[in-house]
C-alpha atoms as a PDB file:
ATOM      1  CA  MET A   1     115.700 245.132 -64.886  1.00  0.00           C
ATOM      2  CA  THR A   2     113.959 248.085 -66.182  1.00  0.00           C
ATOM      3  CA  LEU A   3     115.157 251.446 -65.012  1.00  0.00           C
ATOM      4  CA  ALA A   4     113.968 255.075 -66.805  1.00  0.00           C
ATOM      5  CA  GLY A   5     112.216 253.132 -69.846  1.00  0.00           C
ATOM      6  CA  LEU A   6     115.792 251.426 -70.434  1.00  0.00           C
ATOM      7  CA  THR A   7     116.402 247.196 -69.271  1.00  0.00           C
ATOM      8  CA  LEU A   8     119.664 246.514 -67.887  1.00  0.00           C
ATOM      9  CA  LEU A   9     120.779 242.982 -69.160  1.00  0.00           C
ATOM     10  CA  ARG A  10     123.707 242.936 -66.556  1.00  0.00           C
ATOM     11  CA  PRO A  11     122.350 245.602 -63.421  1.00  0.00           C
ATOM     12  CA  TRP A  12     124.704 244.273 -60.905  1.00  0.00           C
ATOM     13  CA  TRP A  13     127.529 245.880 -62.588  1.00  0.00           C
ATOM     14  CA  LEU A  14     125.654 249.222 -60.931  1.00  0.00           C
ATOM     15  CA  ALA A  15     127.084 248.008 -57.716  1.00  0.00           C
ATOM     16  CA  ALA A  16     130.404 249.191 -58.614  1.00  0.00           C
ATOM     17  CA  LEU A  17     129.208 253.092 -59.319  1.00  0.00           C
ATOM     18  CA  PRO A  18     128.999 254.217 -55.962  1.00  0.00           C
ATOM     19  CA  ALA A  19     132.897 252.941 -55.346  1.00  0.00           C
ATOM     20  CA  VAL A  20     134.169 254.615 -58.457  1.00  0.00           C
ATOM     21  CA  VAL A  21     132.193 257.910 -57.659  1.00  0.00           C
ATOM     22  CA  LEU A  22     133.740 257.949 -54.031  1.00  0.00           C
ATOM     23  CA  LEU A  23     137.235 256.967 -55.228  1.00  0.00           C
ATOM     24  CA  ALA A  24     137.055 259.823 -58.273  1.00  0.00           C
ATOM     25  CA  LEU A  25     135.854 262.249 -55.974  1.00  0.00           C
ATOM     26  CA  TYR A  26     139.116 261.267 -53.445  1.00  0.00           C
ATOM     27  CA  ALA A  27     141.366 261.406 -56.152  1.00  0.00           C
ATOM     28  CA  VAL A  28     140.330 264.939 -56.966  1.00  0.00           C
ATOM     29  CA  ARG A  29     140.040 266.625 -53.414  1.00  0.00           C
ATOM     30  CA  ARG A  30     143.793 264.976 -53.035  1.00  0.00           C
ATOM     31  CA  ALA A  31     145.330 265.965 -56.255  1.00  0.00           C
ATOM     32  CA  ALA A  32     145.722 269.837 -54.912  1.00  0.00           C
ATOM     33  CA  PRO A  33     148.880 271.746 -56.330  1.00  0.00           C
ATOM     34  CA  LEU A  34     152.310 270.073 -54.906  1.00  0.00           C
ATOM     35  CA  GLY A  35     150.259 268.205 -51.957  1.00  0.00           C
ATOM     36  CA  ASP A  36     150.920 269.451 -48.943  1.00  0.00           C
ATOM     37  CA  TRP A  37     153.299 271.692 -49.572  1.00  0.00           C
ATOM     38  CA  GLY A  38     150.519 274.249 -50.371  1.00  0.00           C
ATOM     39  CA  ARG A  39     149.855 274.503 -46.616  1.00  0.00           C
ATOM     40  CA  GLU A  40     153.290 274.695 -45.409  1.00  0.00           C
ATOM     41  CA  ILE A  41     154.795 277.670 -48.095  1.00  0.00           C
ATOM     42  CA  ASP A  42     154.183 281.167 -46.899  1.00  0.00           C
ATOM     43  CA  PRO A  43     150.725 282.235 -49.005  1.00  0.00           C
ATOM     44  CA  ALA A  44     153.063 285.203 -50.206  1.00  0.00           C
ATOM     45  CA  LEU A  45     155.911 282.937 -51.535  1.00  0.00           C
ATOM     46  CA  MET A  46     153.561 280.682 -53.138  1.00  0.00           C
ATOM     47  CA  ALA A  47     151.833 283.204 -54.845  1.00  0.00           C
ATOM     48  CA  TYR A  48     155.432 284.469 -56.881  1.00  0.00           C
ATOM     49  CA  LEU A  49     156.564 281.006 -57.373  1.00  0.00           C
ATOM     50  CA  THR A  50     153.480 280.560 -59.361  1.00  0.00           C
ATOM     51  CA  ARG A  51     153.572 283.474 -60.963  1.00  0.00           C
ATOM     52  CA  THR A  52     157.299 282.725 -62.550  1.00  0.00           C
ATOM     53  CA  GLY A  53     155.870 279.499 -63.495  1.00  0.00           C
ATOM     54  CA  SER A  54     158.488 277.484 -60.635  1.00  0.00           C
ATOM     55  CA  VAL A  55     155.086 276.113 -59.589  1.00  0.00           C
ATOM     56  CA  LEU A  56     152.832 273.346 -61.425  1.00  0.00           C
ATOM     57  CA  GLY A  57     149.384 272.921 -61.151  1.00  0.00           C
ATOM     58  CA  GLY A  58     147.937 269.877 -59.799  1.00  0.00           C
ATOM     59  CA  ARG A  59     145.890 266.887 -61.979  1.00  0.00           C
ATOM     60  CA  ARG A  60     142.559 267.688 -60.458  1.00  0.00           C
ATOM     61  CA  GLY A  61     141.192 267.339 -64.347  1.00  0.00           C
ATOM     62  CA  ALA A  62     143.116 264.383 -65.009  1.00  0.00           C
ATOM     63  CA  ASN A  63     141.512 262.383 -62.001  1.00  0.00           C
ATOM     64  CA  LEU A  64     138.367 264.016 -62.913  1.00  0.00           C
ATOM     65  CA  ALA A  65     138.299 262.465 -66.395  1.00  0.00           C
ATOM     66  CA  ALA A  66     139.536 259.091 -64.939  1.00  0.00           C
ATOM     67  CA  GLY A  67     136.605 259.140 -62.816  1.00  0.00           C
ATOM     68  CA  LEU A  68     133.893 260.310 -65.628  1.00  0.00           C
ATOM     69  CA  CYS A  69     135.697 257.661 -67.660  1.00  0.00           C
ATOM     70  CA  ALA A  70     135.424 254.464 -64.894  1.00  0.00           C
ATOM     71  CA  GLY A  71     131.776 255.714 -64.349  1.00  0.00           C
ATOM     72  CA  ALA A  72     130.752 255.576 -68.284  1.00  0.00           C
ATOM     73  CA  ILE A  73     132.272 252.108 -67.940  1.00  0.00           C
ATOM     74  CA  VAL A  74     130.541 251.213 -65.571  1.00  0.00           C
ATOM     75  CA  LEU A  75     127.042 252.186 -67.237  1.00  0.00           C
ATOM     76  CA  GLY A  76     128.170 250.234 -69.999  1.00  0.00           C
ATOM     77  CA  LEU A  77     128.679 246.954 -68.766  1.00  0.00           C
ATOM     78  CA  ALA A  78     125.082 247.213 -66.848  1.00  0.00           C
ATOM     79  CA  GLY A  79     123.806 246.789 -70.536  1.00  0.00           C
ATOM     80  CA  PRO A  80     121.290 249.723 -70.670  1.00  0.00           C
ATOM     81  CA  ALA A  81     119.229 248.333 -73.574  1.00  0.00           C
ATOM     82  CA  ILE A  82     115.732 248.659 -76.088  1.00  0.00           C
ATOM     83  CA  GLU A  83     113.774 246.241 -76.796  1.00  0.00           C
ATOM     84  CA  ARG A  84     113.741 245.318 -80.538  1.00  0.00           C
ATOM     85  CA  ARG A  85     110.866 245.737 -82.430  1.00  0.00           C
ATOM     86  CA  ASP A  86     110.700 242.454 -84.012  1.00  0.00           C
ATOM     87  CA  THR A  87     110.780 240.582 -80.551  1.00  0.00           C
ATOM     88  CA  GLY A  88     107.090 239.249 -81.236  1.00  0.00           C
ATOM     89  CA  SER A  89     108.532 236.899 -83.977  1.00  0.00           C
ATOM     90  CA  PHE A  90     110.837 235.145 -81.695  1.00  0.00           C
ATOM     91  CA  ARG A  91     107.003 234.115 -79.532  1.00  0.00           C
ATOM     92  CA  ASN A  92     107.497 230.171 -80.616  1.00  0.00           C
ATOM     93  CA  LEU A  93     111.116 230.450 -78.756  1.00  0.00           C
ATOM     94  CA  ASP A  94     109.368 230.932 -76.039  1.00  0.00           C
ATOM     95  CA  GLU A  95     106.649 228.574 -74.680  1.00  0.00           C
ATOM     96  CA  THR A  96     104.416 227.439 -71.636  1.00  0.00           C
ATOM     97  CA  VAL A  97     103.349 223.896 -70.642  1.00  0.00           C
ATOM     98  CA  LEU A  98     100.746 223.155 -68.426  1.00  0.00           C
ATOM     99  CA  VAL A  99     100.877 220.161 -65.926  1.00  0.00           C
ATOM    100  CA  VAL A 100      98.086 218.892 -64.632  1.00  0.00           C
ATOM    101  CA  ASP A 101      97.401 216.740 -61.899  1.00  0.00           C
ATOM    102  CA  LEU A 102      94.202 214.364 -62.299  1.00  0.00           C
ATOM    103  CA  SER A 103      95.142 211.843 -59.898  1.00  0.00           C
ATOM    104  CA  ARG A 104      92.335 210.674 -57.270  1.00  0.00           C
ATOM    105  CA  SER A 105      93.625 213.226 -54.450  1.00  0.00           C
ATOM    106  CA  VAL A 106      92.669 215.854 -57.140  1.00  0.00           C
ATOM    107  CA  ALA A 107      90.048 215.056 -59.597  1.00  0.00           C
ATOM    108  CA  GLU A 108      88.046 213.711 -56.832  1.00  0.00           C
ATOM    109  CA  GLY A 109      89.024 215.210 -53.375  1.00  0.00           C
ATOM    110  CA  GLY A 110      90.612 218.277 -54.589  1.00  0.00           C
ATOM    111  CA  ASN A 111      88.957 221.483 -55.963  1.00  0.00           C
ATOM    112  CA  LEU A 112      88.718 220.131 -59.734  1.00  0.00           C
ATOM    113  CA  GLN A 113      86.844 223.137 -61.423  1.00  0.00           C
ATOM    114  CA  GLY A 114      89.199 225.533 -59.517  1.00  0.00           C
ATOM    115  CA  VAL A 115      92.031 223.617 -61.161  1.00  0.00           C
ATOM    116  CA  ARG A 116      90.484 224.225 -64.715  1.00  0.00           C
ATOM    117  CA  GLU A 117      89.876 227.902 -64.024  1.00  0.00           C
ATOM    118  CA  THR A 118      93.571 228.406 -62.959  1.00  0.00           C
ATOM    119  CA  ALA A 119      95.102 226.425 -65.560  1.00  0.00           C
ATOM    120  CA  ALA A 120      93.046 228.481 -68.192  1.00  0.00           C
ATOM    121  CA  ALA A 121      94.151 231.835 -66.449  1.00  0.00           C
ATOM    122  CA  VAL A 122      97.765 230.770 -66.736  1.00  0.00           C
ATOM    123  CA  ALA A 123      96.973 229.939 -70.504  1.00  0.00           C
ATOM    124  CA  GLU A 124      95.580 233.304 -71.119  1.00  0.00           C
ATOM    125  CA  ALA A 125      98.862 235.352 -68.807  1.00  0.00           C
ATOM    126  CA  ALA A 126     100.733 233.663 -71.757  1.00  0.00           C
ATOM    127  CA  GLY A 127      99.386 236.485 -74.187  1.00  0.00           C
ATOM    128  CA  THR A 128     100.135 234.775 -77.848  1.00  0.00           C
ATOM    129  CA  ARG A 129     102.496 232.368 -77.128  1.00  0.00           C
ATOM    130  CA  PRO A 130     102.272 228.783 -77.649  1.00  0.00           C
ATOM    131  CA  VAL A 131     100.750 226.799 -74.564  1.00  0.00           C
ATOM    132  CA  ALA A 132     100.791 222.870 -74.209  1.00  0.00           C
ATOM    133  CA  LEU A 133      99.044 221.117 -72.166  1.00  0.00           C
ATOM    134  CA  VAL A 134     100.122 217.606 -70.129  1.00  0.00           C
ATOM    135  CA  VAL A 135      97.864 215.632 -67.638  1.00  0.00           C
ATOM    136  CA  TYR A 136      98.894 212.333 -65.675  1.00  0.00           C
ATOM    137  CA  ALA A 137      98.058 210.184 -63.051  1.00  0.00           C
ATOM    138  CA  GLY A 138      99.704 207.163 -62.889  1.00  0.00           C
ATOM    139  CA  ASP A 139     100.968 207.907 -66.447  1.00  0.00           C
ATOM    140  CA  ALA A 140     101.335 211.377 -68.358  1.00  0.00           C
ATOM    141  CA  TYR A 141      99.974 212.349 -71.618  1.00  0.00           C
ATOM    142  CA  LEU A 142     100.233 215.183 -73.867  1.00  0.00           C
ATOM    143  CA  ALA A 143      96.728 216.239 -74.218  1.00  0.00           C
ATOM    144  CA  VAL A 144      97.435 219.242 -76.251  1.00  0.00           C
ATOM    145  CA  SER A 145     100.140 219.739 -78.612  1.00  0.00           C
ATOM    146  CA  PRO A 146     101.844 223.515 -78.156  1.00  0.00           C
ATOM    147  CA  THR A 147      99.042 225.992 -79.614  1.00  0.00           C
ATOM    148  CA  THR A 148      98.315 229.281 -79.753  1.00  0.00           C
ATOM    149  CA  ASP A 149      94.241 228.647 -80.313  1.00  0.00           C
ATOM    150  CA  ARG A 150      93.240 229.524 -76.644  1.00  0.00           C
ATOM    151  CA  ASP A 151      89.581 228.527 -77.509  1.00  0.00           C
ATOM    152  CA  SER A 152      90.796 224.913 -78.404  1.00  0.00           C
ATOM    153  CA  LEU A 153      92.755 224.491 -75.398  1.00  0.00           C
ATOM    154  CA  GLY A 154      89.938 226.237 -73.032  1.00  0.00           C
ATOM    155  CA  THR A 155      87.579 223.360 -74.481  1.00  0.00           C
ATOM    156  CA  THR A 156      90.106 220.708 -73.545  1.00  0.00           C
ATOM    157  CA  LEU A 157      90.623 221.610 -70.185  1.00  0.00           C
ATOM    158  CA  PHE A 158      87.175 222.479 -68.855  1.00  0.00           C
ATOM    159  CA  ALA A 159      86.562 218.684 -70.479  1.00  0.00           C
ATOM    160  CA  LEU A 160      88.994 217.213 -67.689  1.00  0.00           C
ATOM    161  CA  THR A 161      87.244 214.574 -65.214  1.00  0.00           C
ATOM    162  CA  ALA A 162      88.594 212.255 -62.679  1.00  0.00           C
ATOM    163  CA  ASP A 163      88.409 209.897 -65.900  1.00  0.00           C
ATOM    164  CA  THR A 164      90.628 211.521 -68.558  1.00  0.00           C
ATOM    165  CA  VAL A 165      93.735 209.723 -67.063  1.00  0.00           C
ATOM    166  CA  PRO A 166      93.100 205.652 -66.906  1.00  0.00           C
ATOM    167  CA  ASP A 167      95.739 205.155 -64.969  1.00  0.00           C
ATOM    168  CA  ARG A 168      95.625 205.166 -61.446  1.00  0.00           C
ATOM    169  CA  GLY A 169      98.351 206.466 -59.252  1.00  0.00           C
ATOM    170  CA  SER A 170     100.208 210.032 -59.593  1.00  0.00           C
ATOM    171  CA  HIS A 171     103.683 210.243 -61.029  1.00  0.00           C
ATOM    172  CA  PRO A 172     104.486 213.815 -61.620  1.00  0.00           C
ATOM    173  CA  GLU A 173     108.184 213.095 -62.627  1.00  0.00           C
ATOM    174  CA  ARG A 174     106.495 211.176 -65.993  1.00  0.00           C
ATOM    175  CA  ALA A 175     104.534 214.503 -66.606  1.00  0.00           C
ATOM    176  CA  LEU A 176     107.709 216.998 -65.829  1.00  0.00           C
ATOM    177  CA  ALA A 177     109.766 214.387 -67.922  1.00  0.00           C
ATOM    178  CA  LEU A 178     107.150 214.728 -70.978  1.00  0.00           C
ATOM    179  CA  ALA A 179     106.956 217.976 -70.704  1.00  0.00           C
ATOM    180  CA  SER A 180     110.570 218.570 -71.295  1.00  0.00           C
ATOM    181  CA  ARG A 181     110.226 216.536 -74.027  1.00  0.00           C
ATOM    182  CA  THR A 182     107.930 218.436 -75.747  1.00  0.00           C
ATOM    183  CA  LEU A 183     109.918 221.761 -75.379  1.00  0.00           C
ATOM    184  CA  ALA A 184     113.136 220.270 -76.420  1.00  0.00           C
ATOM    185  CA  GLU A 185     111.738 218.945 -79.697  1.00  0.00           C
ATOM    186  CA  ALA A 186     110.082 222.467 -80.540  1.00  0.00           C
ATOM    187  CA  GLY A 187     113.631 223.821 -79.980  1.00  0.00           C
ATOM    188  CA  VAL A 188     112.158 226.312 -77.383  1.00  0.00           C
ATOM    189  CA  ILE A 189     114.454 228.454 -75.654  1.00  0.00           C
ATOM    190  CA  ALA A 190     112.549 229.977 -72.962  1.00  0.00           C
ATOM    191  CA  ALA A 191     109.927 228.483 -71.521  1.00  0.00           C
ATOM    192  CA  ASP A 192     107.502 228.308 -68.307  1.00  0.00           C
ATOM    193  CA  VAL A 193     106.174 224.679 -66.897  1.00  0.00           C
ATOM    194  CA  VAL A 194     103.693 225.428 -64.632  1.00  0.00           C
ATOM    195  CA  LEU A 195     102.427 222.556 -62.105  1.00  0.00           C
ATOM    196  CA  VAL A 196      99.012 222.251 -60.891  1.00  0.00           C
ATOM    197  CA  SER A 197      99.192 219.620 -58.124  1.00  0.00           C
ATOM    198  CA  ASP A 198      98.214 218.853 -54.222  1.00  0.00           C
ATOM    199  CA  GLY A 199     102.046 217.293 -54.130  1.00  0.00           C
ATOM    200  CA  ASP A 200     101.237 214.051 -54.390  1.00  0.00           C
ATOM    201  CA  GLY A 201     103.636 211.638 -55.117  1.00  0.00           C
ATOM    202  CA  ILE A 202     106.566 214.184 -55.392  1.00  0.00           C
ATOM    203  CA  GLY A 203     110.318 212.611 -54.614  1.00  0.00           C
ATOM    204  CA  GLU A 204     113.528 212.395 -55.716  1.00  0.00           C
ATOM    205  CA  ALA A 205     112.838 212.004 -59.141  1.00  0.00           C
ATOM    206  CA  ALA A 206     110.236 214.306 -59.660  1.00  0.00           C
ATOM    207  CA  MET A 207     112.900 216.672 -57.959  1.00  0.00           C
ATOM    208  CA  ARG A 208     115.545 215.399 -60.517  1.00  0.00           C
ATOM    209  CA  GLU A 209     113.455 216.488 -63.139  1.00  0.00           C
ATOM    210  CA  ALA A 210     112.838 220.098 -61.866  1.00  0.00           C
ATOM    211  CA  ALA A 211     116.624 220.333 -61.860  1.00  0.00           C
ATOM    212  CA  ALA A 212     116.959 219.237 -65.362  1.00  0.00           C
ATOM    213  CA  ILE A 213     114.112 222.172 -66.486  1.00  0.00           C
ATOM    214  CA  LYS A 214     115.910 224.300 -64.477  1.00  0.00           C
ATOM    215  CA  ALA A 215     119.546 223.119 -66.065  1.00  0.00           C
ATOM    216  CA  ARG A 216     117.828 223.912 -69.617  1.00  0.00           C
ATOM    217  CA  GLY A 217     117.133 227.719 -69.030  1.00  0.00           C
ATOM    218  CA  TRP A 218     113.510 226.797 -68.145  1.00  0.00           C
ATOM    219  CA  ARG A 219     111.349 227.420 -65.197  1.00  0.00           C
ATOM    220  CA  LEU A 220     109.350 225.487 -63.165  1.00  0.00           C
ATOM    221  CA  ALA A 221     106.005 227.111 -61.267  1.00  0.00           C
ATOM    222  CA  THR A 222     103.632 225.338 -59.087  1.00  0.00           C
ATOM    223  CA  VAL A 223     100.395 226.102 -58.177  1.00  0.00           C
ATOM    224  CA  PHE A 224      98.873 224.003 -55.095  1.00  0.00           C
ATOM    225  CA  VAL A 225      95.499 222.296 -54.833  1.00  0.00           C
ATOM    226  CA  PRO A 226      94.168 221.869 -51.507  1.00  0.00           C
ATOM    227  CA  ALA A 227      91.837 218.751 -50.131  1.00  0.00           C
ATOM    228  CA  LYS A 228      88.001 219.657 -49.922  1.00  0.00           C
ATOM    229  CA  ALA A 229      87.576 216.129 -49.116  1.00  0.00           C
ATOM    230  CA  GLN A 230      89.543 213.054 -48.073  1.00  0.00           C
ATOM    231  CA  VAL A 231      90.163 210.006 -50.661  1.00  0.00           C
ATOM    232  CA  PRO A 232      90.087 207.015 -49.278  1.00  0.00           C
ATOM    233  CA  GLY A 233      93.325 205.371 -49.547  1.00  0.00           C
ATOM    234  CA  ALA A 234      94.830 208.928 -51.079  1.00  0.00           C
ATOM    235  CA  PRO A 235      97.714 210.616 -49.319  1.00  0.00           C
ATOM    236  CA  PRO A 236      96.907 214.287 -47.759  1.00  0.00           C
ATOM    237  CA  PRO A 237      98.485 217.167 -49.739  1.00  0.00           C
ATOM    238  CA  ASP A 238     101.697 218.518 -49.578  1.00  0.00           C
ATOM    239  CA  ARG A 239     102.103 221.924 -50.226  1.00  0.00           C
ATOM    240  CA  THR A 240     105.918 221.972 -48.520  1.00  0.00           C
ATOM    241  CA  ALA A 241     106.870 219.324 -51.112  1.00  0.00           C
ATOM    242  CA  LEU A 242     105.380 221.244 -54.034  1.00  0.00           C
ATOM    243  CA  SER A 243     106.931 224.614 -53.048  1.00  0.00           C
ATOM    244  CA  ARG A 244     110.210 223.188 -52.726  1.00  0.00           C
ATOM    245  CA  LEU A 245     109.952 221.647 -56.319  1.00  0.00           C
ATOM    246  CA  ALA A 246     109.468 225.112 -57.513  1.00  0.00           C
ATOM    247  CA  SER A 247     112.520 226.167 -55.822  1.00  0.00           C
ATOM    248  CA  VAL A 248     114.598 223.252 -57.462  1.00  0.00           C
ATOM    249  CA  GLY A 249     113.085 223.919 -60.766  1.00  0.00           C
ATOM    250  CA  GLY A 250     114.154 228.159 -60.272  1.00  0.00           C
ATOM    251  CA  GLY A 251     110.238 229.145 -60.150  1.00  0.00           C
ATOM    252  CA  VAL A 252     107.381 230.171 -57.785  1.00  0.00           C
ATOM    253  CA  SER A 253     105.207 228.935 -55.966  1.00  0.00           C
ATOM    254  CA  ALA A 254     100.850 229.821 -54.895  1.00  0.00           C
ATOM    255  CA  ASP A 255      97.727 228.338 -54.732  1.00  0.00           C
ATOM    256  CA  ILE A 256      94.796 228.171 -56.564  1.00  0.00           C
ATOM    257  CA  ALA A 257      93.241 230.530 -54.147  1.00  0.00           C
ATOM    258  CA  THR A 258      95.759 233.333 -54.931  1.00  0.00           C
ATOM    259  CA  PRO A 259      97.715 232.209 -58.413  1.00  0.00           C
ATOM    260  CA  GLY A 260      99.172 236.056 -58.698  1.00  0.00           C
ATOM    261  CA  PRO A 261     102.995 235.579 -58.615  1.00  0.00           C
ATOM    262  CA  VAL A 262     102.991 232.369 -60.930  1.00  0.00           C
ATOM    263  CA  LEU A 263     100.684 234.358 -63.692  1.00  0.00           C
ATOM    264  CA  GLU A 264     102.928 237.244 -63.209  1.00  0.00           C
ATOM    265  CA  THR A 265     105.825 235.024 -64.183  1.00  0.00           C
ATOM    266  CA  VAL A 266     104.131 233.701 -67.177  1.00  0.00           C
ATOM    267  CA  ALA A 267     102.847 236.857 -68.309  1.00  0.00           C
ATOM    268  CA  ALA A 268     106.267 238.744 -68.222  1.00  0.00           C
ATOM    269  CA  PRO A 269     107.152 239.897 -71.847  1.00  0.00           C
ATOM    270  CA  THR A 270     108.886 237.540 -74.500  1.00  0.00           C
ATOM    271  CA  ALA A 271     111.668 239.743 -74.293  1.00  0.00           C
ATOM    272  CA  GLN A 272     112.362 239.572 -70.674  1.00  0.00           C
ATOM    273  CA  HIS A 273     112.233 235.260 -70.597  1.00  0.00           C
ATOM    274  CA  LEU A 274     114.453 235.733 -73.692  1.00  0.00           C
ATOM    275  CA  ALA A 275     116.983 237.941 -71.602  1.00  0.00           C
ATOM    276  CA  GLU A 276     116.532 235.282 -68.509  1.00  0.00           C
ATOM    277  CA  GLY A 277     117.347 232.673 -70.555  1.00  0.00           C
ATOM    278  CA  GLY A 278     120.613 233.713 -71.554  1.00  0.00           C
ATOM    279  CA  TYR A 279     119.397 235.146 -75.273  1.00  0.00           C
ATOM    280  CA  GLY A 280     119.189 238.919 -74.714  1.00  0.00           C
ATOM    281  CA  VAL A 281     121.301 239.577 -77.680  1.00  0.00           C
ATOM    282  CA  VAL A 282     118.122 238.281 -79.309  1.00  0.00           C
ATOM    283  CA  ALA A 283     115.332 240.603 -77.904  1.00  0.00           C
ATOM    284  CA  PHE A 284     117.155 243.483 -77.117  1.00  0.00           C
ATOM    285  CA  ALA A 285     119.450 245.899 -78.909  1.00  0.00           C
ATOM    286  CA  ASP A 286     122.479 246.435 -76.378  1.00  0.00           C
ATOM    287  CA  LEU A 287     123.291 250.433 -76.091  1.00  0.00           C
ATOM    288  CA  GLY A 288     126.336 249.338 -73.761  1.00  0.00           C
ATOM    289  CA  ARG A 289     128.522 249.690 -76.479  1.00  0.00           C
ATOM    290  CA  TRP A 290     128.046 252.928 -77.420  1.00  0.00           C
ATOM    291  CA  LEU A 291     128.755 253.957 -73.076  1.00  0.00           C
ATOM    292  CA  LEU A 292     131.943 252.634 -73.602  1.00  0.00           C
ATOM    293  CA  LEU A 293     132.978 254.750 -76.849  1.00  0.00           C
ATOM    294  CA  LEU A 294     131.428 257.687 -74.582  1.00  0.00           C
ATOM    295  CA  ALA A 295     134.212 256.744 -71.987  1.00  0.00           C
ATOM    296  CA  ALA A 296     137.181 257.501 -74.655  1.00  0.00           C
ATOM    297  CA  LEU A 297     136.456 260.916 -74.597  1.00  0.00           C
ATOM    298  CA  PRO A 298     137.438 261.658 -71.119  1.00  0.00           C
ATOM    299  CA  ALA A 299     139.907 259.187 -71.526  1.00  0.00           C
ATOM    300  CA  LEU A 300     141.621 261.311 -74.288  1.00  0.00           C
ATOM    301  CA  LEU A 301     142.439 263.898 -71.452  1.00  0.00           C
ATOM    302  CA  LEU A 302     144.454 261.729 -69.979  1.00  0.00           C
ATOM    303  CA  PHE A 303     147.080 261.649 -72.689  1.00  0.00           C
ATOM    304  CA  ARG A 304     147.113 265.444 -72.838  1.00  0.00           C
ATOM    305  CA  ARG A 305     150.636 266.646 -72.500  1.00  0.00           C
ATOM    306  CA  SER A 306     151.647 269.174 -70.226  1.00  0.00           C
ATOM    307  CA  ALA A 307     153.451 272.014 -71.807  1.00  0.00           C
END
């Protein structure tokens, strides 16, 4: 979460801030001299007792100090941070894997040109991060190893045809397993796996692979390819199954006509990807510790001894 130029690594702690403010205001208001006795004693008598030192003041200041201390602690726990200057050097820890369905229902009955263009757009959205390409039908193949050479990747993408994968059928689970192995072998921390498919062949095996991707701290997004023509013997497209797969994989779903949500996810900065993967300390300098130190200043007032 980004707020006023700072990134909050643990923004859920801000939910405690309103409660701290209300409790501090209540404590300050209740901390009147002698509590409710101030309303019962004659004002002239109270003034005399105050002048002679017989009445000690309330602890409004102490309660206010406690409230300021608690507020600073909450803000510190929210993790305000600034991005490190060398975050770009960690881009190899953040990769994108394109998984393209080339089964007959997509390559012959779907919009293959739209598939190529969407895959190219995802690669461009990844910026300077490495991108790999996995193609599949009845089996899965690593067509392009993780690379930052967009020209070479684009050439391969626009050379994809219905004959690129010789194996008939549709086994997305094999493609997702290959994508996972590719990322694991590269020691990737944060990753986006983007599946471009019509939803054919998605079953329990594919769901298990999607869950495994999410468990590794990566995300699986899907892009739906609608049918332009019915291929004899091929099942109809299944948008629902593809959306459910993205949900299990912790990502978003879209279609080739409006791939915006997927492109925005992939285009997020490396620092944000690393933070979402639990490695925020690599990409951000956490300023929360200094706020905790600042909280110690009003806390010192709580130890002040009365005369």
